[in-house]
Protein backbone atom coordinates (compact mmCIF):
# COMPACT_ATOMS: atom_id res chain seq x y z
CA MET A 1 261.53 7.39 242.20
CA LYS A 2 259.73 3.95 242.27
CA ILE A 3 262.15 1.19 243.66
CA VAL A 4 260.83 -1.78 242.07
CA ASN A 5 263.52 -4.17 241.65
CA SER A 6 263.70 -6.78 244.27
CA LEU A 7 267.64 -6.57 244.10
CA LEU A 8 267.20 -3.38 246.16
CA GLN A 9 265.27 -4.95 248.96
CA SER A 10 268.26 -6.15 251.01
CA LEU A 11 269.58 -2.55 251.12
CA ILE A 12 266.19 -1.19 252.05
CA SER A 13 265.29 -3.81 254.54
CA ARG A 14 268.40 -3.12 256.53
CA PHE A 15 267.10 0.38 257.33
CA SER A 16 263.20 -0.70 257.37
CA PRO A 17 262.31 -4.00 259.23
CA ALA A 18 258.80 -4.31 260.38
CA TRP A 19 259.38 -3.32 263.85
CA LEU A 20 260.84 0.06 263.02
CA ARG A 21 257.90 1.10 261.82
CA PHE A 22 256.01 1.08 264.95
CA LEU A 23 258.60 3.19 266.83
CA PRO A 24 258.36 7.04 267.05
CA ARG A 25 259.41 8.73 263.97
CA LYS A 26 262.68 10.33 265.27
CA MET A 27 263.67 7.08 267.28
CA SER A 28 263.43 5.02 263.93
CA PHE A 29 265.17 7.50 261.83
CA ALA A 30 268.17 7.29 264.24
CA ILE A 31 268.25 3.79 264.30
CA CYS A 32 268.36 3.94 260.65
CA ARG A 33 271.37 6.38 260.58
CA ALA A 34 273.02 4.29 263.27
CA LEU A 35 272.74 0.94 260.75
CA LEU A 36 274.13 3.32 258.00
CA ARG A 37 277.41 1.71 256.45
CA ILE A 38 278.71 3.49 253.07
CA PRO A 39 280.45 1.22 250.76
CA LEU A 40 283.98 2.85 250.37
CA HIS A 41 285.37 0.10 248.08
CA VAL A 42 284.21 0.92 244.35
CA PRO A 43 284.30 -2.12 242.13
CA SER A 44 286.88 -1.82 239.41
CA GLY A 45 285.52 -0.20 236.31
CA LEU A 46 282.42 1.09 237.66
CA VAL A 47 281.75 4.77 236.65
CA CYS A 48 278.62 7.13 237.01
CA LYS A 49 277.64 9.36 233.88
CA MET A 50 275.02 10.66 231.75
CA ALA A 51 273.71 8.72 228.90
CA GLU A 52 275.11 9.77 225.61
CA THR A 53 275.23 6.67 223.14
CA LYS A 54 272.51 4.64 221.70
CA GLU A 55 273.41 1.64 223.60
CA GLU A 56 273.67 3.42 226.92
CA PHE A 57 270.07 4.76 226.19
CA GLU A 58 268.85 1.30 225.23
CA GLN A 59 270.17 -0.45 228.16
CA ALA A 60 268.66 2.38 230.50
CA PHE A 61 265.46 2.30 229.04
CA ARG A 62 265.27 -1.59 229.05
CA LEU A 63 266.30 -1.82 232.74
CA MET A 64 263.24 0.73 233.39
CA HIS A 65 261.02 -1.60 231.45
CA ASP A 66 262.08 -4.60 233.31
CA CYS A 67 261.81 -2.96 236.89
CA ASN A 68 258.35 -1.38 236.12
CA PRO A 69 255.46 -4.02 236.34
CA ARG A 70 253.15 -1.22 234.34
CA ALA A 71 255.60 -0.75 231.43
CA ARG A 72 253.70 -2.00 228.31
CA HIS A 73 256.10 -0.30 225.73
CA SER A 74 257.23 -2.69 222.91
CA PRO A 75 259.95 -3.79 221.99
CA GLY A 76 260.90 -3.84 225.96
CA LEU A 77 261.81 -0.23 226.32
CA TYR A 78 260.26 2.09 228.99
CA LEU A 79 259.57 5.53 227.29
CA SER A 80 257.61 8.61 228.48
CA VAL A 81 257.38 11.83 226.88
CA PHE A 82 259.61 13.22 229.59
CA HIS A 83 262.61 11.09 228.11
CA SER A 84 261.85 13.28 224.75
CA LEU A 85 262.52 16.53 226.41
CA PRO A 86 265.85 18.58 225.79
CA GLU A 87 266.62 19.04 229.22
CA THR A 88 265.89 15.52 230.67
CA ARG A 89 268.96 13.39 231.45
CA VAL A 90 269.48 9.73 231.99
CA LEU A 91 272.10 9.32 234.47
CA ILE A 92 273.82 5.49 234.70
CA ALA A 93 275.96 3.52 236.56
CA VAL A 94 278.03 1.55 233.84
CA ARG A 95 280.86 -1.09 234.21
CA GLU A 96 282.80 -2.33 231.05
CA GLY A 97 279.89 -1.05 228.91
CA THR A 98 277.31 -2.57 230.81
CA VAL A 99 274.75 -0.35 232.55
CA LEU A 100 274.18 -1.67 235.92
CA ALA A 101 271.70 1.01 237.23
CA THR A 102 269.72 4.00 235.97
CA LEU A 103 267.65 6.79 236.94
CA THR A 104 266.14 9.91 235.26
CA VAL A 105 266.23 13.68 236.19
CA ILE A 106 263.61 15.78 234.85
CA PRO A 107 263.91 19.47 235.16
CA LYS A 108 260.90 21.79 235.49
CA ASN A 109 259.33 22.04 232.15
CA ARG A 110 256.20 22.98 230.27
CA TYR A 111 254.85 19.39 230.75
CA GLY A 112 255.15 19.47 234.58
CA PHE A 113 256.09 16.17 236.37
CA ALA A 114 254.85 12.72 236.07
CA MET A 115 254.17 12.94 239.76
CA ASP A 116 251.80 15.93 239.38
CA GLN A 117 248.86 13.47 238.74
CA ALA A 118 249.14 12.49 242.18
CA PHE A 119 250.91 14.99 244.33
CA ASP A 120 250.60 18.93 244.56
CA THR A 121 254.07 20.20 243.38
CA SER A 122 252.91 23.69 242.95
CA ALA A 123 254.67 25.18 246.01
CA PHE A 124 258.12 23.76 244.70
CA LYS A 125 257.85 25.55 241.75
CA ARG A 126 256.89 29.29 242.69
CA TYR A 127 259.47 32.22 242.59
CA GLY A 128 261.83 30.97 240.16
CA ALA A 129 262.96 27.80 242.19
CA ARG A 130 264.85 25.07 240.12
CA VAL A 131 263.09 21.91 240.82
CA ALA A 132 263.77 18.65 239.21
CA GLU A 133 261.70 15.11 239.43
CA VAL A 134 263.93 12.11 239.99
CA THR A 135 262.37 9.11 238.76
CA GLY A 136 262.99 5.62 236.89
CA LEU A 137 265.67 3.94 239.49
CA ALA A 138 266.05 0.79 238.21
CA PHE A 139 268.80 -2.22 238.69
CA ILE A 140 270.12 -4.82 236.50
CA ARG A 141 268.59 -8.21 237.57
CA GLU A 142 272.40 -10.12 237.88
CA LEU A 143 274.63 -7.43 239.58
CA PRO A 144 278.42 -8.68 239.27
CA CYS A 145 279.09 -6.54 242.51
CA LYS A 146 277.60 -5.13 245.60
CA ARG A 147 274.41 -3.45 245.09
CA ASP A 148 274.95 -1.01 247.89
CA ALA A 149 278.22 0.51 246.11
CA VAL A 150 276.28 1.02 242.93
CA LEU A 151 273.32 2.60 244.63
CA PHE A 152 275.15 5.05 246.91
CA LEU A 153 277.68 6.00 243.94
CA LEU A 154 274.45 6.83 241.74
CA PHE A 155 273.16 8.79 244.48
CA LYS A 156 276.13 10.69 245.08
CA TYR A 157 276.49 11.43 241.40
CA LEU A 158 272.96 12.49 241.59
CA TYR A 159 273.54 14.74 244.45
CA GLN A 160 276.54 16.42 242.82
CA SER A 161 275.04 16.75 239.43
CA CYS A 162 271.96 18.50 240.64
CA LEU A 163 274.11 21.23 242.31
CA THR A 164 276.84 21.74 239.92
CA TYR A 165 275.27 20.90 236.54
CA PHE A 166 271.31 21.20 236.71
CA GLY A 167 271.68 24.17 239.18
CA VAL A 168 268.76 22.57 241.12
CA ASP A 169 267.18 23.97 244.41
CA CYS A 170 265.05 21.07 245.30
CA ILE A 171 264.55 17.22 244.00
CA LEU A 172 260.98 15.62 243.83
CA THR A 173 260.54 11.88 243.76
CA THR A 174 257.91 9.09 244.55
CA VAL A 175 258.71 5.96 246.28
CA ARG A 176 257.05 2.91 247.98
CA LEU A 177 255.75 3.46 251.58
CA LYS A 178 258.05 0.68 252.86
CA ASP A 179 260.99 2.57 251.65
CA CYS A 180 260.44 5.65 253.14
CA LEU A 181 262.46 5.07 256.43
CA PHE A 182 265.72 4.80 254.09
CA TYR A 183 264.77 8.10 252.03
CA GLN A 184 263.59 10.02 255.27
CA GLY A 185 265.83 8.81 258.11
CA VAL A 186 269.12 8.38 256.02
CA LEU A 187 268.64 10.99 253.08
CA LEU A 188 266.54 13.35 254.90
CA PHE A 189 263.79 13.72 252.64
CA ASP A 190 260.56 15.08 253.53
CA ARG A 191 257.18 14.02 252.91
CA MET A 192 254.61 15.79 250.30
CA ALA A 193 250.82 16.19 250.48
CA LYS A 194 248.89 14.14 248.00
CA ALA A 195 246.57 15.52 245.47
CA SER A 196 243.00 15.36 245.86
CA THR A 197 242.91 12.88 243.05
CA ARG A 198 244.87 9.53 242.55
CA HIS A 199 246.22 8.42 239.23
CA GLU A 200 246.50 5.06 238.31
CA LEU A 201 250.18 4.83 237.96
CA PHE A 202 250.47 5.72 241.68
CA SER A 203 249.28 3.41 244.42
CA SER A 204 248.08 4.13 247.63
CA GLN A 205 251.34 3.03 248.81
CA THR A 206 253.19 5.51 246.85
CA VAL A 207 254.86 8.59 248.89
CA GLY A 208 255.89 11.89 247.40
CA LEU A 209 259.00 13.27 248.93
CA HIS A 210 261.15 16.20 248.69
CA LEU A 211 264.60 17.44 249.30
CA HIS A 212 266.08 21.01 249.35
CA LEU A 213 269.79 20.38 248.26
CA ARG A 214 271.37 23.25 249.93
CA GLU A 215 269.54 23.04 253.08
CA CYS A 216 270.25 19.33 253.32
CA TYR A 217 274.06 20.04 252.90
CA GLY A 218 273.92 21.84 256.40
CA ARG A 219 271.90 18.93 257.83
CA TYR A 220 274.41 16.25 256.51
CA ALA A 221 277.15 18.01 257.98
CA GLU A 222 275.43 18.34 261.53
CA LEU A 223 274.52 14.45 261.42
CA TYR A 224 277.09 12.85 259.79
CA GLY A 225 280.04 15.23 259.83
CA THR A 226 281.60 13.92 262.97
CA LYS A 227 281.01 10.16 262.16
CA SER A 228 283.56 7.52 261.09
CA ARG A 229 284.28 7.51 257.08
CA ASP A 230 282.23 4.71 256.46
CA ARG A 231 279.35 6.51 258.21
CA ASP A 232 279.73 10.19 257.15
CA LEU A 233 277.37 10.97 254.28
CA PHE A 234 278.27 14.56 254.24
CA ASP A 235 281.80 13.64 253.37
CA TYR A 236 280.87 10.87 250.81
CA PHE A 237 278.39 12.92 248.89
CA THR A 238 280.42 16.18 248.69
CA SER A 239 284.05 14.74 247.92
CA ALA A 240 285.16 14.91 244.47
CA ASP A 241 285.70 11.70 242.25
CA PRO A 242 286.27 12.74 238.90
CA ALA A 243 287.41 9.19 237.88
CA LEU A 244 284.13 7.79 239.08
CA LEU A 245 281.70 10.44 238.27
CA LEU A 246 282.18 11.53 234.78
CA SER A 247 281.33 14.87 233.49
CA PRO A 248 279.24 15.15 230.57
CA LYS A 249 280.70 15.49 226.95
CA LYS A 250 280.61 18.56 224.83
CA THR A 251 277.33 17.54 223.44
CA LEU A 252 275.68 17.57 227.01
CA ARG A 253 278.02 20.62 228.07
CA LYS A 254 275.14 22.68 229.22
CA PRO A 255 271.81 21.76 230.75
CA THR A 256 269.88 23.13 228.23
CA ASP A 257 271.84 21.33 225.41
CA PRO A 258 269.27 18.57 224.11
CA ASN A 259 269.51 15.23 225.76
CA MET A 260 269.35 13.26 222.70
CA SER A 261 270.68 13.81 218.97
CA PRO A 262 267.99 14.08 216.12
CA GLU A 263 269.05 10.46 215.26
CA LEU A 264 268.69 9.22 218.73
CA LEU A 265 265.14 10.74 219.15
CA ASP A 266 264.27 9.52 215.83
CA TYR A 267 265.71 5.69 216.56
CA PHE A 268 263.40 5.49 220.17
CA PHE A 269 260.47 7.57 219.23
CA ASN A 270 259.73 6.64 215.53
CA VAL A 271 261.77 3.66 214.66
CA GLN A 272 261.72 1.26 217.87
CA THR A 273 258.58 2.49 219.10
CA ASP A 274 255.63 4.62 217.47
CA PHE A 275 255.61 6.98 220.61
CA PHE A 276 255.55 10.22 219.00
CA SER A 277 252.36 9.18 216.70
CA LYS A 278 250.47 8.28 219.90
CA LEU A 279 251.10 11.88 221.51
CA THR A 280 247.78 13.99 221.86
CA GLU A 281 247.75 17.30 220.09
CA ARG A 282 248.68 19.34 223.10
CA GLU A 283 251.77 17.05 223.80
CA ARG A 284 252.93 17.55 220.13
CA SER A 285 252.42 21.28 220.15
CA LEU A 286 254.47 21.65 223.36
CA LEU A 287 257.11 19.22 222.15
CA LEU A 288 257.53 21.29 218.95
CA GLY A 289 258.05 24.36 220.84
CA LEU A 290 261.10 23.25 222.75
CA TYR A 291 263.24 22.63 219.93
CA ASN A 292 264.61 24.52 216.79
CA LYS A 293 262.03 23.35 214.08
CA LYS A 294 264.14 24.65 211.33
CA SER A 295 267.37 22.21 212.57
CA ALA A 296 267.50 18.51 212.20
CA TYR A 297 265.10 18.06 214.92
CA GLY A 298 262.16 19.27 212.96
CA LYS A 299 262.38 16.22 210.44
CA VAL A 300 261.93 13.71 213.37
CA LEU A 301 259.41 15.49 215.72
CA PRO A 302 255.62 14.78 215.19
CA LYS A 303 253.91 17.08 212.91
CA VAL A 304 251.45 19.76 214.04
CA ASP A 305 248.85 21.50 212.47
CA SER A 306 250.00 25.22 212.24
CA ARG A 307 246.46 26.25 213.13
CA SER A 308 246.60 24.23 216.37
CA LYS A 309 245.47 26.27 219.24
CA PHE A 310 248.08 24.30 221.50
CA LEU A 311 250.66 25.41 219.43
CA TYR A 312 253.63 27.10 221.42
CA ARG A 313 254.33 30.63 220.21
CA SER A 314 257.55 32.03 221.91
CA ASP A 315 257.57 35.83 222.92
CA ARG A 316 258.90 38.26 220.73
CA ARG A 317 262.47 39.24 221.61
CA TYR A 318 263.44 42.95 221.55
CA THR A 319 266.87 44.29 221.42
CA LEU A 320 267.23 46.80 224.39
CA PRO A 321 270.82 47.87 225.07
CA CYS A 322 270.94 49.09 228.84
CA SER A 323 272.52 48.69 232.11
CA GLY A 324 271.24 47.02 235.31
CA LYS A 325 272.57 45.23 238.37
CA ILE A 326 271.72 42.32 240.33
CA THR A 327 271.80 42.05 244.14
CA LEU A 328 273.17 38.77 245.46
CA GLY A 329 272.32 36.97 248.76
CA LEU A 330 271.78 38.15 252.14
CA GLY A 331 275.26 40.22 251.83
CA ASN A 332 273.64 42.56 249.17
CA ARG A 333 276.53 42.16 247.10
CA VAL A 334 275.80 43.89 243.69
CA VAL A 335 277.04 42.58 240.11
CA SER A 336 276.47 44.79 237.28
CA ILE A 337 274.98 44.00 233.95
CA GLU A 338 274.62 44.96 230.54
CA VAL A 339 271.39 43.78 229.12
CA HIS A 340 271.20 42.77 225.35
CA ASN A 341 267.52 41.90 224.64
CA VAL A 342 264.35 41.32 226.37
CA SER A 343 260.86 39.31 225.94
CA ARG A 344 258.03 39.50 228.37
CA ASN A 345 259.03 36.34 230.28
CA GLY A 346 263.09 36.85 230.12
CA PHE A 347 266.11 38.57 229.06
CA SER A 348 269.60 38.12 228.23
CA ALA A 349 272.59 40.23 229.63
CA SER A 350 276.40 40.26 230.37
CA LEU A 351 277.43 39.99 233.73
CA GLY A 352 280.71 41.46 235.58
CA GLU A 353 281.43 38.21 237.27
CA PRO A 354 280.06 34.41 237.13
CA ILE A 355 276.74 33.64 239.39
CA ARG A 356 275.58 30.20 240.12
CA PHE A 357 272.31 28.72 238.88
CA GLY A 358 269.41 27.66 241.13
CA ASP A 359 269.01 31.15 242.80
CA SER A 360 266.23 33.75 242.34
CA LEU A 361 267.83 37.09 242.04
CA SER A 362 266.77 40.59 242.71
CA VAL A 363 267.37 42.63 239.17
CA SER A 364 267.37 46.22 238.70
CA ILE A 365 267.19 47.44 235.00
CA PHE A 366 267.56 51.07 234.03
CA ALA A 367 265.64 52.55 231.00
CA ASP A 368 265.47 56.30 230.22
CA GLY A 369 262.68 58.31 231.14
CA ARG A 370 261.10 55.45 233.18
CA PRO A 371 261.25 54.08 236.71
CA VAL A 372 263.89 51.45 237.52
CA VAL A 373 262.36 48.27 236.75
CA GLN A 374 262.47 45.75 239.47
CA LEU A 375 262.37 41.89 238.85
CA GLN A 376 263.02 38.72 240.39
CA ALA A 377 264.56 36.36 237.82
CA TYR A 378 266.86 33.28 237.80
CA PRO A 379 269.41 32.09 235.11
CA VAL A 380 268.53 29.25 233.04
CA TRP A 381 271.36 29.31 230.60
CA SER A 382 274.94 30.81 230.14
CA HIS A 383 277.76 31.12 227.82
CA GLU A 384 280.87 32.29 229.08
CA LEU A 385 279.47 35.52 230.99
CA VAL A 386 276.32 36.12 229.06
CA TYR A 387 273.23 34.59 230.89
CA GLY A 388 269.58 33.92 229.94
CA PHE A 389 267.08 34.68 232.51
CA ASN A 390 263.42 33.59 233.21
CA ILE A 391 261.35 36.19 235.11
CA ALA A 392 259.79 34.88 238.08
CA SER A 393 257.95 38.05 238.98
CA CYS A 394 257.91 41.76 238.10
CA THR A 395 256.43 45.35 238.65
CA PRO A 396 253.87 46.68 236.48
CA ASP A 397 256.84 48.74 235.19
CA TRP A 398 258.04 45.73 233.00
CA GLU A 399 255.00 45.07 231.35
CA LYS A 400 254.95 48.88 230.30
CA LEU A 401 258.61 48.60 229.27
CA ILE A 402 257.64 45.47 226.96
CA ALA A 403 254.55 47.28 225.79
CA SER A 404 256.77 50.29 224.84
CA GLN A 405 259.33 48.23 222.84
CA GLN A 406 256.15 46.75 220.72
CA GLN A 407 255.34 50.28 219.95
CA GLY A 408 259.12 51.36 219.39
CA THR A 409 259.05 54.44 221.94
CA THR A 410 261.83 53.58 224.47
CA SER A 411 265.17 54.91 224.77
CA THR A 412 267.78 53.59 227.07
CA LYS A 413 270.78 54.84 229.29
CA ARG A 414 273.82 53.31 230.65
CA VAL A 415 274.60 53.81 234.32
CA ALA A 416 277.89 53.19 236.23
């Protein structure tokens, strides 16, 4: 998350005066937390939400353009291929129809992350962990209210959305070196290792950070839980404010719902810019595989040669009605499942009770005449009590089961 707007400097400078950088890290972090004052008064009319309309997206993209010195997209809109992905979300702080601040959440996807060019994020993507990159933090030049109030409210919305909507375990971001004291000392981010190569978009003063959300919950409680209300970041981030932090509307009800309608996608990537026409063959192929080509999206997405070696072909699904179980957490609580269909990389099933997103789960599937299939899988979508799972790791028995489906030789059984 590159903080490039000068309006943010006064906030950051409170936590990062030059002399703090020469102190031992623990001492400088402690001083940063001692200086923390949370703006409890929210300006009238200020709310945080996900961008949904053309006007909201356009204002957000213009803010990103104005705050990014490397932006070269005409006419004044900052777009990346990640903004065209279905699961990307643009979060905004808006007041009376004017977007005051914005940031973008990019869940794990086939493209990877923008920061992959300069930082090694592979360790965060293993074992089915739900990871998201947070980028594009930008503020309007003339804020009509205190910028601290806007920043903290937007961060609160980010924190709660990642946990309850995206089901994210860990968020990754990039900041300038001079801003690290605020992110590490106050928000408790940890540093990442740099990649062996450096991309032109990331200077030597750019630092990669990560925050494990479920772990930081306890750390926030320990460090801030006994402080006064204007210093209790734990209470601030975890308290509900439904009037200020708006839930997404029906079109964005699930984190897998497309970020933009076909009309909006066409407007920003074909009409206002020629972004889609400049994508590489690989980028066009990957993007096409993320949408239903037979829907209205197929008419606005870039065309791809059907013979392209990059064209994504989804795994074939096989109907496989059978039983199984999921083991949850350290308490070994068991939830029964009824499997509907399977593919090489996932399956769908009805569950006996709801489960939360973000966790890698131990799954056992029972197929007649075969050993019990053991998997590590994580939920990626749900509708009522029907869940779709991606497989993080599996035993050879799963590959054999899929192979038998291809040959049509498997019978199944249900177990209590």
